[in-house]
Amino acid sequence: MRANEDNATAAELRRLGVLYEGMRDDIKSIVEAVKTIQPMLAEIPGIKNEVEVMSDDVKAIKAAIKDTNRDLHLLETRVDRLEAAI
């Protein structure tokens, strides 16, 4: 009976060893993933700032296009009047 208990204990220890190795490998994978992600996370504030700057630039471009379109319409109106007067 003692031999059966020793065999059961040895089998349990082997099983725990296999589980431990699997968990250790999983933890190593997680650590590697975190190491890979950390530099990306460090870039987020800079990217956010760049997006804010681009957003401001787009707003300025939209305003310039509206102004240009208004000026073009005014110019077309003036040219039409001049042509009609000739």
C-alpha atoms as a PDB file:
ATOM      1  CA  MET A   1       0.000   0.000   0.000  1.00  0.00           C
ATOM      2  CA  ARG A   2       2.875   2.333   0.766  1.00  0.00           C
ATOM      3  CA  ALA A   3       4.217   1.754  -2.773  1.00  0.00           C
ATOM      4  CA  ASN A   4       0.865   2.769  -4.267  1.00  0.00           C
ATOM      5  CA  GLU A   5       0.895   5.962  -2.217  1.00  0.00           C
ATOM      6  CA  ASP A   6       4.473   6.688  -3.291  1.00  0.00           C
ATOM      7  CA  ASN A   7       3.527   6.088  -6.934  1.00  0.00           C
ATOM      8  CA  ALA A   8       0.499   8.333  -6.576  1.00  0.00           C
ATOM      9  CA  THR A   9       2.616  11.021  -4.944  1.00  0.00           C
ATOM     10  CA  ALA A  10       5.265  10.745  -7.656  1.00  0.00           C
ATOM     11  CA  ALA A  11       2.617  10.928 -10.371  1.00  0.00           C
ATOM     12  CA  GLU A  12       1.071  13.972  -8.704  1.00  0.00           C
ATOM     13  CA  LEU A  13       4.492  15.632  -8.458  1.00  0.00           C
ATOM     14  CA  ARG A  14       5.130  14.956 -12.159  1.00  0.00           C
ATOM     15  CA  ARG A  15       1.731  16.393 -13.024  1.00  0.00           C
ATOM     16  CA  LEU A  16       2.421  19.478 -10.918  1.00  0.00           C
ATOM     17  CA  GLY A  17       5.844  19.799 -12.545  1.00  0.00           C
ATOM     18  CA  VAL A  18       4.290  19.752 -16.006  1.00  0.00           C
ATOM     19  CA  LEU A  19       1.689  22.334 -14.935  1.00  0.00           C
ATOM     20  CA  TYR A  20       4.430  24.485 -13.412  1.00  0.00           C
ATOM     21  CA  GLU A  21       6.495  24.387 -16.606  1.00  0.00           C
ATOM     22  CA  GLY A  22       3.455  25.308 -18.662  1.00  0.00           C
ATOM     23  CA  MET A  23       2.623  28.225 -16.384  1.00  0.00           C
ATOM     24  CA  ARG A  24       6.263  29.355 -16.417  1.00  0.00           C
ATOM     25  CA  ASP A  25       6.228  29.372 -20.230  1.00  0.00           C
ATOM     26  CA  ASP A  26       2.939  31.288 -20.235  1.00  0.00           C
ATOM     27  CA  ILE A  27       4.382  33.858 -17.834  1.00  0.00           C
ATOM     28  CA  LYS A  28       7.482  34.255 -20.025  1.00  0.00           C
ATOM     29  CA  SER A  29       5.222  34.849 -23.026  1.00  0.00           C
ATOM     30  CA  ILE A  30       3.257  37.475 -21.118  1.00  0.00           C
ATOM     31  CA  VAL A  31       6.450  39.227 -20.006  1.00  0.00           C
ATOM     32  CA  GLU A  32       7.708  39.312 -23.597  1.00  0.00           C
ATOM     33  CA  ALA A  33       4.377  40.717 -24.787  1.00  0.00           C
ATOM     34  CA  VAL A  34       4.470  43.436 -22.121  1.00  0.00           C
ATOM     35  CA  LYS A  35       8.050  44.311 -23.088  1.00  0.00           C
ATOM     36  CA  THR A  36       6.906  44.673 -26.684  1.00  0.00           C
ATOM     37  CA  ILE A  37       3.889  46.806 -25.763  1.00  0.00           C
ATOM     38  CA  GLN A  38       5.677  49.174 -23.365  1.00  0.00           C
ATOM     39  CA  PRO A  39       7.527  51.158 -26.079  1.00  0.00           C
ATOM     40  CA  MET A  40       4.265  51.476 -27.997  1.00  0.00           C
ATOM     41  CA  LEU A  41       2.515  52.828 -24.922  1.00  0.00           C
ATOM     42  CA  ALA A  42       5.296  55.356 -24.439  1.00  0.00           C
ATOM     43  CA  GLU A  43       4.595  56.724 -27.938  1.00  0.00           C
ATOM     44  CA  ILE A  44       0.875  57.343 -27.327  1.00  0.00           C
ATOM     45  CA  PRO A  45       1.222  60.853 -25.823  1.00  0.00           C
ATOM     46  CA  GLY A  46       3.328  61.967 -28.811  1.00  0.00           C
ATOM     47  CA  ILE A  47       0.877  60.466 -31.271  1.00  0.00           C
ATOM     48  CA  LYS A  48      -2.011  62.132 -29.460  1.00  0.00           C
ATOM     49  CA  ASN A  49      -0.233  65.472 -29.718  1.00  0.00           C
ATOM     50  CA  GLU A  50       0.409  64.950 -33.435  1.00  0.00           C
ATOM     51  CA  VAL A  51      -3.265  64.117 -34.012  1.00  0.00           C
ATOM     52  CA  GLU A  52      -4.315  67.280 -32.176  1.00  0.00           C
ATOM     53  CA  VAL A  53      -1.946  69.343 -34.340  1.00  0.00           C
ATOM     54  CA  MET A  54      -3.279  67.693 -37.506  1.00  0.00           C
ATOM     55  CA  SER A  55      -6.837  68.363 -36.344  1.00  0.00           C
ATOM     56  CA  ASP A  56      -6.011  72.042 -35.928  1.00  0.00           C
ATOM     57  CA  ASP A  57      -4.356  72.054 -39.365  1.00  0.00           C
ATOM     58  CA  VAL A  58      -7.441  70.481 -40.954  1.00  0.00           C
ATOM     59  CA  LYS A  59      -9.643  73.128 -39.360  1.00  0.00           C
ATOM     60  CA  ALA A  60      -7.385  75.847 -40.768  1.00  0.00           C
ATOM     61  CA  ILE A  61      -7.425  74.231 -44.204  1.00  0.00           C
ATOM     62  CA  LYS A  62     -11.225  73.985 -44.151  1.00  0.00           C
ATOM     63  CA  ALA A  63     -11.485  77.664 -43.217  1.00  0.00           C
ATOM     64  CA  ALA A  64      -9.057  78.616 -45.999  1.00  0.00           C
ATOM     65  CA  ILE A  65     -11.031  76.592 -48.547  1.00  0.00           C
ATOM     66  CA  LYS A  66     -14.272  78.262 -47.470  1.00  0.00           C
ATOM     67  CA  ASP A  67     -12.651  81.694 -47.775  1.00  0.00           C
ATOM     68  CA  THR A  68     -11.214  80.821 -51.185  1.00  0.00           C
ATOM     69  CA  ASN A  69     -14.563  79.521 -52.413  1.00  0.00           C
ATOM     70  CA  ARG A  70     -16.273  82.693 -51.215  1.00  0.00           C
ATOM     71  CA  ASP A  71     -13.626  84.834 -52.946  1.00  0.00           C
ATOM     72  CA  LEU A  72     -13.964  82.791 -56.131  1.00  0.00           C
ATOM     73  CA  HIS A  73     -17.740  83.191 -56.106  1.00  0.00           C
ATOM     74  CA  LEU A  74     -17.339  86.942 -55.614  1.00  0.00           C
ATOM     75  CA  LEU A  75     -14.846  87.104 -58.461  1.00  0.00           C
ATOM     76  CA  GLU A  76     -17.153  85.140 -60.759  1.00  0.00           C
ATOM     77  CA  THR A  77     -19.977  87.544 -59.932  1.00  0.00           C
ATOM     78  CA  ARG A  78     -17.787  90.555 -60.702  1.00  0.00           C
ATOM     79  CA  VAL A  79     -16.566  89.043 -63.991  1.00  0.00           C
ATOM     80  CA  ASP A  80     -20.146  88.257 -65.010  1.00  0.00           C
ATOM     81  CA  ARG A  81     -21.165  91.865 -64.332  1.00  0.00           C
ATOM     82  CA  LEU A  82     -18.194  93.225 -66.266  1.00  0.00           C
ATOM     83  CA  GLU A  83     -18.911  90.928 -69.205  1.00  0.00           C
ATOM     84  CA  ALA A  84     -22.559  91.965 -69.161  1.00  0.00           C
ATOM     85  CA  ALA A  85     -21.555  95.632 -69.170  1.00  0.00           C
ATOM     86  CA  ILE A  86     -19.335  95.232 -72.216  1.00  0.00           C
END
